[in-house]
């Protein structure tokens, strides 16, 4: 059995980086946390499911003043395909998660205090420091990700408040296990949100530590609040890849808004999930075709660059003209008008676009190494 010394050290260090939280209210002698869909009732001296929000003397203490992961990524890696194509996103994350997915690719930070193999430590930084770094790196987007940002929403809000008026788009990359309270708290500070809709089967969601309905409510709630929304589903053979499930999932998104971009991406073995085979390109294309047949206008296949044909590209929902051509994280061509429309038929394309096409960084495959994530 692995020692939990690393986790005890993490817990001690994290307790040094906290502040009073806003997303809770008293219920008798306990605190009801409303940062995520678990809505934990936290007794004195106890932590929530996430392990990083705690009731200390009747006050909710939440993560503050550090990062555990920080790097500049192409925005296409998030993935956002309708937010400032070709731009960089300064992406920061803390520790902890309200899920325990066996295939998590960010488990080193997300499973802190839950997995003894995770020994990531907090690195102190201020909200001002993060915004200054984003501007120095010439990022166009600043993103809270890597762990689950909902459980560190107060810290993200502080960073985003400092980013106000600095020309940065503020975004979440999240599992979507939200609440109306946290969405209302974030809405004035947030322009874009990517939800990981992991499955359309509630039984499977419960094995990951959540519920399907909470995520569906978050997707609907974000749309109602006018936040730009994109959705990704990691297609895992034998877990969520049946035609019936894919059709139901895509049909739900189409019922909210046919213009929600849906990314279906390839699974590879990671963390504790070593049984399913990696998703191949044909499976991704098949799922994408189901999504289009269900009525979605913008469907993408990811993690298989150069293998999925036109499914990496953005095409006009009217005339199917190719508007943005991509290879992996590289934008090879950008043809949207300066008003965000199709130059061939004039139909508008929803998204957060640059004011002019000349702002979009495009290039050939020789530029691909420059578009890889870089630590800062």
Protein backbone atom coordinates (compact mmCIF):
# COMPACT_ATOMS: atom_id res chain seq x y z
CA UNK A 1 0.00 0.00 0.00
CA UNK A 2 1.38 3.40 -0.95
CA UNK A 3 2.22 5.87 1.78
CA UNK A 4 -0.10 8.84 2.23
CA UNK A 5 2.74 11.09 3.43
CA UNK A 6 2.67 12.99 0.14
CA UNK A 7 -1.06 13.62 0.51
CA UNK A 8 -0.64 14.77 4.11
CA UNK A 9 2.03 17.21 2.94
CA UNK A 10 -0.28 18.40 0.16
CA UNK A 11 -3.11 18.92 2.64
CA UNK A 12 -0.86 20.94 4.94
CA UNK A 13 0.42 23.07 2.07
CA UNK A 14 -3.07 23.63 0.67
CA UNK A 15 -4.37 24.71 4.05
CA UNK A 16 -1.81 27.52 3.94
CA UNK A 17 -3.34 28.78 0.67
CA UNK A 18 -6.98 29.45 1.47
CA UNK A 19 -9.38 32.36 1.80
CA UNK A 20 -13.02 32.75 2.87
CA UNK A 21 -15.37 31.35 0.27
CA UNK A 22 -18.45 33.02 -1.16
CA UNK A 23 -20.29 29.95 -2.44
CA UNK A 24 -21.80 28.56 0.76
CA UNK A 25 -24.51 29.29 3.31
CA UNK A 26 -25.19 28.12 6.84
CA UNK A 27 -27.52 25.24 7.65
CA UNK A 28 -27.57 25.00 11.42
CA UNK A 29 -24.01 24.33 12.55
CA UNK A 30 -23.00 23.13 9.09
CA UNK A 31 -22.20 24.84 5.80
CA UNK A 32 -23.91 24.05 2.51
CA UNK A 33 -21.37 24.47 -0.30
CA UNK A 34 -22.89 25.32 -3.68
CA UNK A 35 -19.76 25.46 -5.84
CA UNK A 36 -20.57 22.16 -7.54
CA UNK A 37 -23.46 19.80 -8.06
CA UNK A 38 -22.65 17.72 -4.98
CA UNK A 39 -23.92 20.58 -2.79
CA UNK A 40 -21.95 19.16 0.14
CA UNK A 41 -23.21 19.75 3.68
CA UNK A 42 -19.89 20.24 5.46
CA UNK A 43 -19.62 19.84 9.21
CA UNK A 44 -17.13 21.66 11.39
CA UNK A 45 -13.56 20.53 10.68
CA UNK A 46 -14.66 18.56 7.61
CA UNK A 47 -13.95 18.83 3.87
CA UNK A 48 -16.28 18.48 0.92
CA UNK A 49 -16.15 15.71 -1.67
CA UNK A 50 -13.51 17.73 -3.54
CA UNK A 51 -11.18 17.60 -0.48
CA UNK A 52 -10.16 21.25 -0.93
CA UNK A 53 -13.17 23.19 0.43
CA UNK A 54 -13.43 22.97 4.20
CA UNK A 55 -15.48 24.18 7.15
CA UNK A 56 -13.00 25.83 9.53
CA UNK A 57 -14.66 27.26 12.62
CA UNK A 58 -17.93 27.87 10.82
CA UNK A 59 -16.27 29.57 7.85
CA UNK A 60 -15.86 28.00 4.43
CA UNK A 61 -12.20 28.11 3.44
CA UNK A 62 -11.45 27.71 -0.24
CA UNK A 63 -8.27 27.42 -2.39
CA UNK A 64 -6.49 30.71 -2.97
CA UNK A 65 -3.24 32.28 -4.10
CA UNK A 66 -1.48 29.49 -6.00
CA UNK A 67 -1.30 27.39 -9.14
CA UNK A 68 -0.32 23.74 -9.51
CA UNK A 69 -0.25 23.76 -13.32
CA UNK A 70 0.44 26.67 -15.63
CA UNK A 71 1.26 26.84 -19.32
CA UNK A 72 0.45 28.58 -22.58
CA UNK A 73 -1.66 26.38 -24.87
CA UNK A 74 -3.16 26.87 -28.30
CA UNK A 75 -6.84 27.61 -27.71
CA UNK A 76 -7.61 24.70 -30.05
CA UNK A 77 -6.22 22.35 -27.38
CA UNK A 78 -8.96 23.22 -24.86
CA UNK A 79 -10.72 22.51 -27.28
CA UNK A 80 -12.34 25.79 -28.34
CA UNK A 81 -12.80 26.04 -32.12
CA UNK A 82 -15.09 29.09 -32.14
CA UNK A 83 -13.03 31.28 -29.80
CA UNK A 84 -10.17 33.35 -31.28
CA UNK A 85 -8.75 30.67 -33.62
CA UNK A 86 -4.97 30.52 -33.83
CA UNK A 87 -4.55 32.29 -30.48
CA UNK A 88 -2.76 31.23 -27.32
CA UNK A 89 -4.52 30.66 -24.00
CA UNK A 90 -2.76 31.05 -20.68
CA UNK A 91 -4.15 28.09 -18.76
CA UNK A 92 -3.88 27.76 -14.98
CA UNK A 93 -5.07 25.11 -12.57
CA UNK A 94 -5.14 24.31 -8.89
CA UNK A 95 -5.51 20.98 -7.05
CA UNK A 96 -8.52 18.76 -6.49
CA UNK A 97 -11.66 17.56 -8.25
CA UNK A 98 -15.22 16.60 -7.42
CA UNK A 99 -14.98 13.54 -9.73
CA UNK A 100 -12.62 10.55 -9.72
CA UNK A 101 -12.52 9.49 -13.38
CA UNK A 102 -10.34 6.45 -13.94
CA UNK A 103 -9.09 7.80 -17.27
CA UNK A 104 -8.25 11.34 -16.13
CA UNK A 105 -5.38 12.84 -18.13
CA UNK A 106 -4.82 15.51 -15.47
CA UNK A 107 -4.95 13.15 -12.49
CA UNK A 108 -1.63 14.42 -11.13
CA UNK A 109 -3.39 17.65 -10.11
CA UNK A 110 -7.06 16.65 -10.06
CA UNK A 111 -6.67 13.67 -7.73
CA UNK A 112 -4.57 15.47 -5.12
CA UNK A 113 -5.52 14.43 -1.56
CA UNK A 114 -7.24 11.37 -3.04
CA UNK A 115 -4.40 9.47 -4.72
CA UNK A 116 -1.06 8.94 -2.95
CA UNK A 117 0.72 9.01 -6.30
CA UNK A 118 -0.21 12.65 -6.78
CA UNK A 119 2.46 14.83 -5.23
CA UNK A 120 1.89 18.11 -7.10
CA UNK A 121 2.46 21.11 -4.86
CA UNK A 122 1.02 24.63 -4.93
CA UNK A 123 3.18 27.41 -6.35
CA UNK A 124 2.23 30.83 -4.91
CA UNK A 125 1.06 33.52 -7.34
CA UNK A 126 -1.33 36.46 -7.25
CA UNK A 127 -4.28 37.18 -9.55
CA UNK A 128 -2.35 40.19 -10.84
CA UNK A 129 0.65 37.97 -11.54
CA UNK A 130 -1.40 35.60 -13.66
CA UNK A 131 -2.93 38.40 -15.72
CA UNK A 132 0.45 40.05 -16.22
CA UNK A 133 1.86 36.72 -17.38
CA UNK A 134 -1.00 36.26 -19.86
CA UNK A 135 -0.34 39.68 -21.33
CA UNK A 136 3.42 39.09 -21.45
CA UNK A 137 2.86 35.81 -23.31
CA UNK A 138 0.54 37.62 -25.74
CA UNK A 139 -2.31 35.26 -24.91
CA UNK A 140 -5.79 36.24 -26.07
CA UNK A 141 -7.57 33.95 -23.61
CA UNK A 142 -7.06 33.15 -19.92
CA UNK A 143 -8.46 29.78 -18.88
CA UNK A 144 -9.10 27.97 -15.59
CA UNK A 145 -8.55 24.24 -16.17
CA UNK A 146 -6.41 21.16 -15.34
CA UNK A 147 -8.25 20.45 -12.10
CA UNK A 148 -12.00 21.10 -11.81
CA UNK A 149 -12.34 24.90 -11.80
CA UNK A 150 -15.82 24.95 -10.25
CA UNK A 151 -14.40 23.89 -6.88
CA UNK A 152 -11.92 26.78 -7.04
CA UNK A 153 -14.43 29.25 -8.49
CA UNK A 154 -13.63 32.06 -6.06
CA UNK A 155 -9.97 32.02 -7.09
CA UNK A 156 -10.86 31.97 -10.80
CA UNK A 157 -13.23 34.87 -10.20
CA UNK A 158 -10.45 36.90 -8.58
CA UNK A 159 -8.16 36.25 -11.55
CA UNK A 160 -10.92 37.06 -14.04
CA UNK A 161 -11.81 40.27 -12.19
CA UNK A 162 -8.20 41.43 -12.64
CA UNK A 163 -8.41 40.50 -16.33
CA UNK A 164 -11.47 42.71 -16.88
CA UNK A 165 -10.76 45.36 -19.50
CA UNK A 166 -7.37 43.90 -20.44
CA UNK A 167 -8.47 42.44 -23.77
CA UNK A 168 -8.53 38.85 -22.49
CA UNK A 169 -11.37 36.38 -23.02
CA UNK A 170 -12.02 34.55 -19.76
CA UNK A 171 -12.92 30.86 -19.95
CA UNK A 172 -13.56 27.67 -17.99
CA UNK A 173 -12.72 24.11 -19.06
CA UNK A 174 -14.88 22.03 -16.75
CA UNK A 175 -16.74 18.80 -16.11
CA UNK A 176 -19.93 20.87 -15.94
CA UNK A 177 -21.05 19.59 -12.53
CA UNK A 178 -22.38 23.01 -11.63
CA UNK A 179 -25.20 24.70 -9.73
CA UNK A 180 -27.35 27.74 -10.54
CA UNK A 181 -25.55 29.60 -7.75
CA UNK A 182 -22.07 29.07 -9.15
CA UNK A 183 -23.19 29.94 -12.69
CA UNK A 184 -24.73 33.19 -11.44
CA UNK A 185 -21.51 33.94 -9.52
CA UNK A 186 -19.33 33.35 -12.59
CA UNK A 187 -21.51 34.88 -15.30
CA UNK A 188 -20.33 38.52 -14.97
CA UNK A 189 -16.72 37.31 -15.12
CA UNK A 190 -16.84 34.73 -17.89
CA UNK A 191 -17.17 34.77 -21.68
CA UNK A 192 -16.61 31.13 -22.68
CA UNK A 193 -17.11 27.70 -21.13
CA UNK A 194 -16.19 24.23 -22.36
CA UNK A 195 -18.17 21.38 -20.79
CA UNK A 196 -16.93 17.79 -20.81
CA UNK A 197 -20.11 15.77 -21.35
CA UNK A 198 -18.64 12.39 -20.52
CA UNK A 199 -21.56 10.08 -21.21
CA UNK A 200 -25.33 10.13 -21.63
CA UNK A 201 -25.83 7.28 -19.17
CA UNK A 202 -26.44 8.27 -15.55
CA UNK A 203 -25.16 4.91 -14.28
CA UNK A 204 -21.82 5.58 -15.91
CA UNK A 205 -21.75 9.11 -14.56
CA UNK A 206 -22.17 7.80 -11.05
CA UNK A 207 -19.11 5.58 -11.44
CA UNK A 208 -17.14 8.77 -12.15
CA UNK A 209 -18.52 10.56 -9.11
CA UNK A 210 -21.29 12.67 -10.59
CA UNK A 211 -24.75 12.63 -12.14
CA UNK A 212 -25.86 13.19 -15.70
CA UNK A 213 -28.66 15.61 -14.82
CA UNK A 214 -26.35 18.07 -13.07
CA UNK A 215 -24.25 18.38 -16.24
CA UNK A 216 -27.28 18.70 -18.53
CA UNK A 217 -28.63 21.44 -16.25
CA UNK A 218 -25.28 23.24 -16.41
CA UNK A 219 -25.25 23.12 -20.22
CA UNK A 220 -28.78 24.52 -20.34
CA UNK A 221 -27.93 27.10 -17.67
CA UNK A 222 -24.85 28.36 -19.49
CA UNK A 223 -26.83 28.74 -22.70
CA UNK A 224 -29.62 30.60 -20.90
CA UNK A 225 -27.06 32.98 -19.37
CA UNK A 226 -25.49 33.78 -22.73
CA UNK A 227 -22.06 32.27 -22.07
CA UNK A 228 -20.33 30.99 -25.22
CA UNK A 229 -20.48 27.21 -24.88
CA UNK A 230 -18.65 24.32 -26.52
CA UNK A 231 -19.01 20.66 -25.52
CA UNK A 232 -16.53 17.79 -25.77
CA UNK A 233 -17.09 14.06 -25.39
CA UNK A 234 -14.14 11.70 -25.07
CA UNK A 235 -15.30 8.63 -27.00
CA UNK A 236 -14.34 5.52 -25.01
CA UNK A 237 -14.96 2.13 -26.67
CA UNK A 238 -17.37 0.07 -24.61
CA UNK A 239 -18.18 2.95 -22.24
CA UNK A 240 -20.06 5.64 -24.17
CA UNK A 241 -19.73 4.81 -27.88
CA UNK A 242 -22.98 3.04 -28.75
CA UNK A 243 -24.93 4.61 -31.61
CA UNK A 244 -27.98 4.99 -29.36
CA UNK A 245 -26.04 6.90 -26.69
CA UNK A 246 -24.24 9.13 -29.18
CA UNK A 247 -27.55 9.90 -30.91
CA UNK A 248 -29.24 10.78 -27.60
CA UNK A 249 -26.34 12.96 -26.49
CA UNK A 250 -26.17 14.88 -29.77
CA UNK A 251 -29.95 15.18 -29.84
CA UNK A 252 -29.92 16.79 -26.40
CA UNK A 253 -27.35 19.37 -27.50
CA UNK A 254 -29.34 20.11 -30.65
CA UNK A 255 -32.47 20.61 -28.54
CA UNK A 256 -30.65 23.35 -26.60
CA UNK A 257 -29.06 24.99 -29.66
CA UNK A 258 -28.02 23.44 -32.96
CA UNK A 259 -25.10 25.87 -33.09
CA UNK A 260 -23.34 24.47 -30.00
CA UNK A 261 -20.01 23.10 -31.27
CA UNK A 262 -19.58 19.45 -30.27
CA UNK A 263 -16.12 17.89 -30.22
CA UNK A 264 -15.85 14.10 -30.18
CA UNK A 265 -12.29 13.16 -29.27
CA UNK A 266 -10.20 10.00 -29.16
CA UNK A 267 -9.54 8.09 -25.94
CA UNK A 268 -6.13 6.69 -25.10
CA UNK A 269 -5.25 4.58 -22.10
CA UNK A 270 -4.34 6.71 -19.11
CA UNK A 271 -4.27 6.73 -15.32
CA UNK A 272 -6.28 3.69 -14.14
CA UNK A 273 -8.16 2.82 -17.33
CA UNK A 274 -6.05 0.39 -19.37
CA UNK A 275 -8.62 -2.00 -20.80
CA UNK A 276 -10.44 -0.25 -23.67
CA UNK A 277 -8.55 0.11 -26.94
CA UNK A 278 -7.73 3.59 -28.18
CA UNK A 279 -10.47 5.19 -30.28
CA UNK A 280 -9.62 5.02 -33.96
CA UNK A 281 -10.34 7.62 -36.62
CA UNK A 282 -13.21 5.63 -38.17
CA UNK A 283 -15.04 5.54 -34.83
CA UNK A 284 -14.65 9.30 -34.45
CA UNK A 285 -15.95 9.98 -37.95
CA UNK A 286 -18.91 7.68 -37.36
CA UNK A 287 -19.82 9.52 -34.15
CA UNK A 288 -19.42 12.89 -35.88
CA UNK A 289 -21.76 11.78 -38.66
CA UNK A 290 -24.36 10.80 -36.05
CA UNK A 291 -24.00 14.23 -34.48
CA UNK A 292 -24.64 15.97 -37.78
CA UNK A 293 -27.61 13.71 -38.50
CA UNK A 294 -29.02 14.65 -35.07
CA UNK A 295 -29.13 18.26 -36.19
CA UNK A 296 -25.91 19.81 -34.88
CA UNK A 297 -24.36 22.38 -37.20
CA UNK A 298 -20.76 22.25 -35.96
CA UNK A 299 -19.29 18.84 -35.16
CA UNK A 300 -15.58 18.10 -34.83
CA UNK A 301 -13.45 14.99 -34.48
CA UNK A 302 -10.28 15.43 -32.45
CA UNK A 303 -7.03 13.83 -31.27
CA UNK A 304 -6.47 12.18 -34.66
CA UNK A 305 -4.92 14.99 -36.73
CA UNK A 306 -4.86 14.35 -40.45
CA UNK A 307 -6.93 11.16 -40.08
CA UNK A 308 -10.51 12.45 -39.90
CA UNK A 309 -10.79 14.43 -43.13
CA UNK A 310 -12.91 17.57 -42.98
CA UNK A 311 -14.01 16.93 -39.39
CA UNK A 312 -11.11 19.06 -38.10
CA UNK A 313 -12.44 22.04 -40.05
CA UNK A 314 -15.18 24.61 -39.50
CA UNK A 315 -17.67 24.60 -42.36
CA UNK A 316 -20.57 26.94 -43.05
CA UNK A 317 -23.82 25.46 -41.80
CA UNK A 318 -25.56 26.88 -44.86
CA UNK A 319 -23.45 26.18 -47.95
CA UNK A 320 -20.79 23.90 -46.30
CA UNK A 321 -17.95 26.11 -47.52
CA UNK A 322 -14.75 25.46 -45.52
CA UNK A 323 -14.23 28.52 -43.33
CA UNK A 324 -11.39 27.39 -41.05
CA UNK A 325 -9.00 24.63 -42.05
CA UNK A 326 -7.03 22.96 -39.23
CA UNK A 327 -4.40 20.34 -38.60
CA UNK A 328 -4.09 19.45 -34.92
CA UNK A 329 -3.61 22.78 -33.08
CA UNK A 330 -2.62 24.65 -36.25
CA UNK A 331 -4.99 26.91 -38.20
CA UNK A 332 -3.95 26.45 -41.84
CA UNK A 333 -6.44 28.90 -43.34
CA UNK A 334 -9.09 31.31 -42.04
CA UNK A 335 -11.78 32.64 -44.37
CA UNK A 336 -14.44 34.14 -42.11
CA UNK A 337 -15.38 37.73 -42.87
CA UNK A 338 -14.53 40.44 -40.34
CA UNK A 339 -18.13 40.25 -39.14
CA UNK A 340 -17.90 36.50 -38.51
CA UNK A 341 -19.75 35.31 -41.57
CA UNK A 342 -19.33 33.02 -44.55
CA UNK A 343 -17.77 34.87 -47.51
CA UNK A 344 -19.59 32.60 -49.96
CA UNK A 345 -23.22 32.74 -48.80
CA UNK A 346 -23.12 35.41 -46.09
CA UNK A 347 -24.50 33.21 -43.29
CA UNK A 348 -23.29 34.20 -39.83
CA UNK A 349 -21.19 31.78 -37.80
CA UNK A 350 -21.65 31.92 -34.02
CA UNK A 351 -18.56 32.31 -31.87
CA UNK A 352 -16.10 34.79 -30.37
CA UNK A 353 -14.14 35.88 -33.40
CA UNK A 354 -11.30 38.38 -33.91
CA UNK A 355 -12.25 41.80 -35.25
CA UNK A 356 -10.27 41.17 -38.43
CA UNK A 357 -9.05 38.07 -40.25
CA UNK A 358 -5.56 39.57 -40.28
CA UNK A 359 -5.39 38.97 -36.49
CA UNK A 360 -5.55 35.18 -36.95
CA UNK A 361 -2.26 33.33 -36.92
CA UNK A 362 -2.17 30.82 -39.75
CA UNK A 363 0.62 28.76 -41.26
CA UNK A 364 1.85 25.50 -42.73
CA UNK A 365 2.87 22.38 -40.82
CA UNK A 366 6.37 23.76 -40.19
CA UNK A 367 4.77 26.01 -37.54
CA UNK A 368 3.24 23.10 -35.64
CA UNK A 369 6.08 22.77 -33.06
CA UNK A 370 5.55 26.44 -32.13
CA UNK A 371 1.89 25.68 -31.42
CA UNK A 372 2.67 22.98 -28.87
CA UNK A 373 1.95 23.79 -25.21
CA UNK A 374 4.79 25.55 -23.44
CA UNK A 375 5.29 25.85 -19.73
CA UNK A 376 5.65 29.35 -18.30
